[in-house]
Amino acid sequence: MFKKTGENSESSSSLLPVSSSKLFIDVLKESGVLPGFKVDTGTVELNGTNGEIFTQGLDGLAQRCQKYYEAGAPYIVETQHGDPWFGFPKGRTRGIAQHTVRALQRTVPPAIPAIVFLSGGESEEEATINLNVMNKLQTKKPWSLSFSFGRALQQSTLKAWGGKKENVAKAQEAFLVMWKA
């Protein structure tokens, strides 16, 4: 999740409470969701290029990771590197999924517990379909393939909530629909 999703806006050092006795991160864990934080600090345009970007955030990375780990978020979310599906015609999802998993098999050690994808700007439906296709491939995948709790899973939830207390149950239902997809 993004820092602002999990932290209390009144104090950047305390995690967002959902009630006087419970933190948002604990609600996620009790529901079977493994919480993690996006730890980079954003992107900026690379000078001298035509709109290429790079990710910032190495300064203070170890401290941010330690803080989130101690708060109960045992993994970090990789930074955004663009959409691997971009430019491919619809209907090529299985082939792209096969190539993606093959590249991961060749480069990611089996000791890594999970590979967590960002949506890459895809809609909730597109991102869910693409992840589902990769997970259904009948091939060796020693790591778990999942989503970060990012844009692809939050959009419907945030829209249903709308920042209003009376919409919390509606937002929870929207989140569960995407989580189960």
Protein backbone atom coordinates (compact mmCIF):
# COMPACT_ATOMS: atom_id res chain seq x y z
CA MET A 1 0.00 0.00 0.00
CA PHE A 2 1.04 3.58 -0.34
CA LYS A 3 2.44 5.32 2.75
CA LYS A 4 -0.58 7.64 2.89
CA THR A 5 -2.95 4.64 2.84
CA GLY A 6 -1.45 3.09 5.95
CA GLU A 7 -0.41 6.06 8.00
CA ASN A 8 -2.39 8.41 10.17
CA SER A 9 -2.46 11.83 8.48
CA GLU A 10 -2.20 13.52 11.87
CA SER A 11 1.08 11.78 12.70
CA SER A 12 3.38 10.34 10.06
CA SER A 13 4.86 8.00 12.66
CA SER A 14 1.71 6.12 13.65
CA LEU A 15 -0.28 3.73 11.51
CA LEU A 16 -3.85 4.57 10.56
CA PRO A 17 -6.36 3.46 13.22
CA VAL A 18 -9.74 2.15 12.09
CA SER A 19 -11.11 2.30 15.61
CA SER A 20 -9.84 3.29 19.04
CA SER A 21 -8.40 -0.20 19.52
CA LYS A 22 -7.47 -1.44 16.04
CA LEU A 23 -5.07 -0.44 13.28
CA PHE A 24 -5.82 -0.73 9.56
CA ILE A 25 -2.82 -3.03 9.12
CA ASP A 26 -4.28 -5.41 11.75
CA VAL A 27 -7.65 -5.49 9.98
CA LEU A 28 -5.85 -6.51 6.78
CA LYS A 29 -3.90 -9.29 8.52
CA GLU A 30 -7.03 -10.64 10.25
CA SER A 31 -8.68 -10.84 6.83
CA GLY A 32 -5.82 -12.88 5.40
CA VAL A 33 -4.20 -9.99 3.51
CA LEU A 34 -0.40 -9.76 3.79
CA PRO A 35 0.29 -6.02 4.11
CA GLY A 36 3.23 -4.35 2.46
CA PHE A 37 4.27 -0.82 1.64
CA LYS A 38 5.51 0.82 -1.54
CA VAL A 39 8.86 2.11 -0.36
CA ASP A 40 10.17 4.26 -3.20
CA THR A 41 9.58 8.00 -3.04
CA GLY A 42 8.20 8.49 -6.53
CA THR A 43 9.45 9.13 -10.02
CA VAL A 44 11.00 12.10 -11.78
CA GLU A 45 11.80 12.78 -15.41
CA LEU A 46 15.31 11.87 -16.47
CA ASN A 47 17.07 14.98 -17.80
CA GLY A 48 17.87 14.95 -21.50
CA THR A 49 15.24 12.35 -22.41
CA ASN A 50 11.88 12.49 -24.07
CA GLY A 51 9.77 11.88 -20.97
CA GLU A 52 11.61 8.85 -19.56
CA ILE A 53 11.33 8.54 -15.80
CA PHE A 54 13.33 6.97 -13.03
CA THR A 55 12.42 5.97 -9.51
CA GLN A 56 13.79 7.76 -6.47
CA GLY A 57 14.08 6.49 -2.93
CA LEU A 58 17.41 4.89 -2.13
CA ASP A 59 18.09 7.55 0.50
CA GLY A 60 16.50 6.32 3.71
CA LEU A 61 15.31 3.04 2.14
CA ALA A 62 16.67 0.82 4.93
CA GLN A 63 15.00 2.95 7.59
CA ARG A 64 11.63 2.93 5.77
CA CYS A 65 11.77 -0.84 5.30
CA GLN A 66 12.62 -1.39 8.97
CA LYS A 67 9.81 0.93 10.09
CA TYR A 68 7.20 -0.88 7.99
CA TYR A 69 8.51 -4.31 8.99
CA GLU A 70 8.24 -3.41 12.69
CA ALA A 71 4.72 -2.11 12.06
CA GLY A 72 3.70 -5.54 10.77
CA ALA A 73 4.18 -5.19 7.02
CA PRO A 74 6.67 -7.99 6.26
CA TYR A 75 7.31 -7.23 2.63
CA ILE A 76 8.08 -4.24 0.49
CA VAL A 77 6.62 -3.44 -2.87
CA GLU A 78 8.93 -3.15 -5.87
CA THR A 79 8.95 0.15 -7.64
CA GLN A 80 7.07 0.80 -10.86
CA HIS A 81 8.96 -0.02 -14.05
CA GLY A 82 6.19 0.39 -16.59
CA ASP A 83 3.57 -1.89 -18.07
CA PRO A 84 4.97 -5.13 -19.57
CA TRP A 85 1.65 -5.63 -21.42
CA PHE A 86 1.79 -2.19 -23.07
CA GLY A 87 1.76 -2.24 -26.85
CA PHE A 88 0.65 -5.85 -27.17
CA PRO A 89 -2.68 -6.57 -28.81
CA LYS A 90 -5.54 -7.78 -26.62
CA GLY A 91 -5.82 -11.56 -26.68
CA ARG A 92 -2.05 -12.08 -26.34
CA THR A 93 -2.27 -12.24 -22.55
CA ARG A 94 -1.30 -15.93 -22.25
CA GLY A 95 1.81 -15.53 -24.40
CA ILE A 96 2.94 -12.45 -22.52
CA ALA A 97 2.28 -14.23 -19.20
CA GLN A 98 4.40 -17.19 -20.34
CA HIS A 99 7.29 -14.91 -21.34
CA THR A 100 7.01 -12.95 -18.08
CA VAL A 101 7.08 -16.08 -15.92
CA ARG A 102 9.94 -17.55 -17.97
CA ALA A 103 11.97 -14.36 -17.45
CA LEU A 104 11.25 -14.53 -13.72
CA GLN A 105 12.29 -18.19 -13.60
CA ARG A 106 15.62 -17.26 -15.17
CA THR A 107 16.35 -14.28 -12.93
CA VAL A 108 14.59 -14.55 -9.56
CA PRO A 109 16.05 -16.97 -6.98
CA PRO A 110 13.62 -19.52 -5.51
CA ALA A 111 14.45 -18.20 -2.02
CA ILE A 112 12.48 -15.02 -2.81
CA PRO A 113 9.03 -15.67 -1.28
CA ALA A 114 6.91 -13.49 -3.55
CA ILE A 115 6.89 -11.31 -6.63
CA VAL A 116 4.42 -8.51 -6.18
CA PHE A 117 3.26 -6.62 -9.25
CA LEU A 118 1.99 -3.10 -9.55
CA SER A 119 -0.87 -2.47 -11.95
CA GLY A 120 1.24 -0.50 -14.42
CA GLY A 121 -1.68 1.81 -15.05
CA GLU A 122 -4.02 -1.02 -16.05
CA SER A 123 -7.63 -1.12 -14.96
CA GLU A 124 -8.58 -3.34 -12.05
CA GLU A 125 -10.03 -5.88 -14.44
CA GLU A 126 -7.01 -5.96 -16.79
CA ALA A 127 -4.51 -6.24 -13.95
CA THR A 128 -6.52 -9.02 -12.27
CA ILE A 129 -6.88 -10.97 -15.54
CA ASN A 130 -3.15 -10.71 -16.29
CA LEU A 131 -2.13 -11.85 -12.81
CA ASN A 132 -4.66 -14.68 -12.93
CA VAL A 133 -3.27 -15.93 -16.26
CA MET A 134 0.27 -16.01 -14.84
CA ASN A 135 -0.88 -17.90 -11.75
CA LYS A 136 -2.76 -20.49 -13.82
CA LEU A 137 0.28 -21.38 -15.95
CA GLN A 138 1.27 -25.00 -15.35
CA THR A 139 4.97 -24.38 -14.77
CA LYS A 140 7.43 -24.14 -11.92
CA LYS A 141 6.81 -21.00 -9.86
CA PRO A 142 8.73 -21.27 -6.57
CA TRP A 143 7.46 -17.88 -5.45
CA SER A 144 4.01 -16.50 -4.96
CA LEU A 145 2.79 -14.13 -7.70
CA SER A 146 0.53 -11.42 -6.36
CA PHE A 147 -0.49 -7.75 -6.46
CA SER A 148 0.73 -4.97 -4.34
CA PHE A 149 -2.12 -3.30 -2.55
CA GLY A 150 -1.95 -0.56 -5.10
CA ARG A 151 -4.04 1.20 -7.64
CA ALA A 152 -5.46 -1.97 -9.20
CA LEU A 153 -6.97 -3.20 -5.94
CA GLN A 154 -7.73 0.12 -4.29
CA GLN A 155 -9.59 2.03 -6.98
CA SER A 156 -13.04 0.46 -6.48
CA THR A 157 -12.58 0.50 -2.73
CA LEU A 158 -11.66 4.17 -2.62
CA LYS A 159 -14.49 5.09 -4.98
CA ALA A 160 -17.03 3.17 -2.85
CA TRP A 161 -15.72 4.76 0.36
CA GLY A 162 -15.55 8.33 -0.94
CA GLY A 163 -14.05 9.44 2.38
CA LYS A 164 -17.38 9.00 4.17
CA LYS A 165 -17.75 6.99 7.36
CA GLU A 166 -21.19 5.73 6.31
CA ASN A 167 -19.61 4.07 3.23
CA VAL A 168 -17.08 1.91 5.12
CA ALA A 169 -19.11 -1.32 4.77
CA LYS A 170 -19.62 -0.63 1.05
CA ALA A 171 -15.86 -0.06 0.63
CA GLN A 172 -15.03 -3.26 2.51
CA GLU A 173 -17.32 -5.21 0.19
CA ALA A 174 -15.69 -3.65 -2.89
CA PHE A 175 -12.25 -4.60 -1.55
CA LEU A 176 -13.30 -8.20 -0.89
CA VAL A 177 -14.70 -8.53 -4.42
CA MET A 178 -11.32 -7.55 -5.93
CA TRP A 179 -9.35 -9.57 -3.35
CA LYS A 180 -11.30 -12.74 -4.20
CA ALA A 181 -11.00 -12.16 -7.96
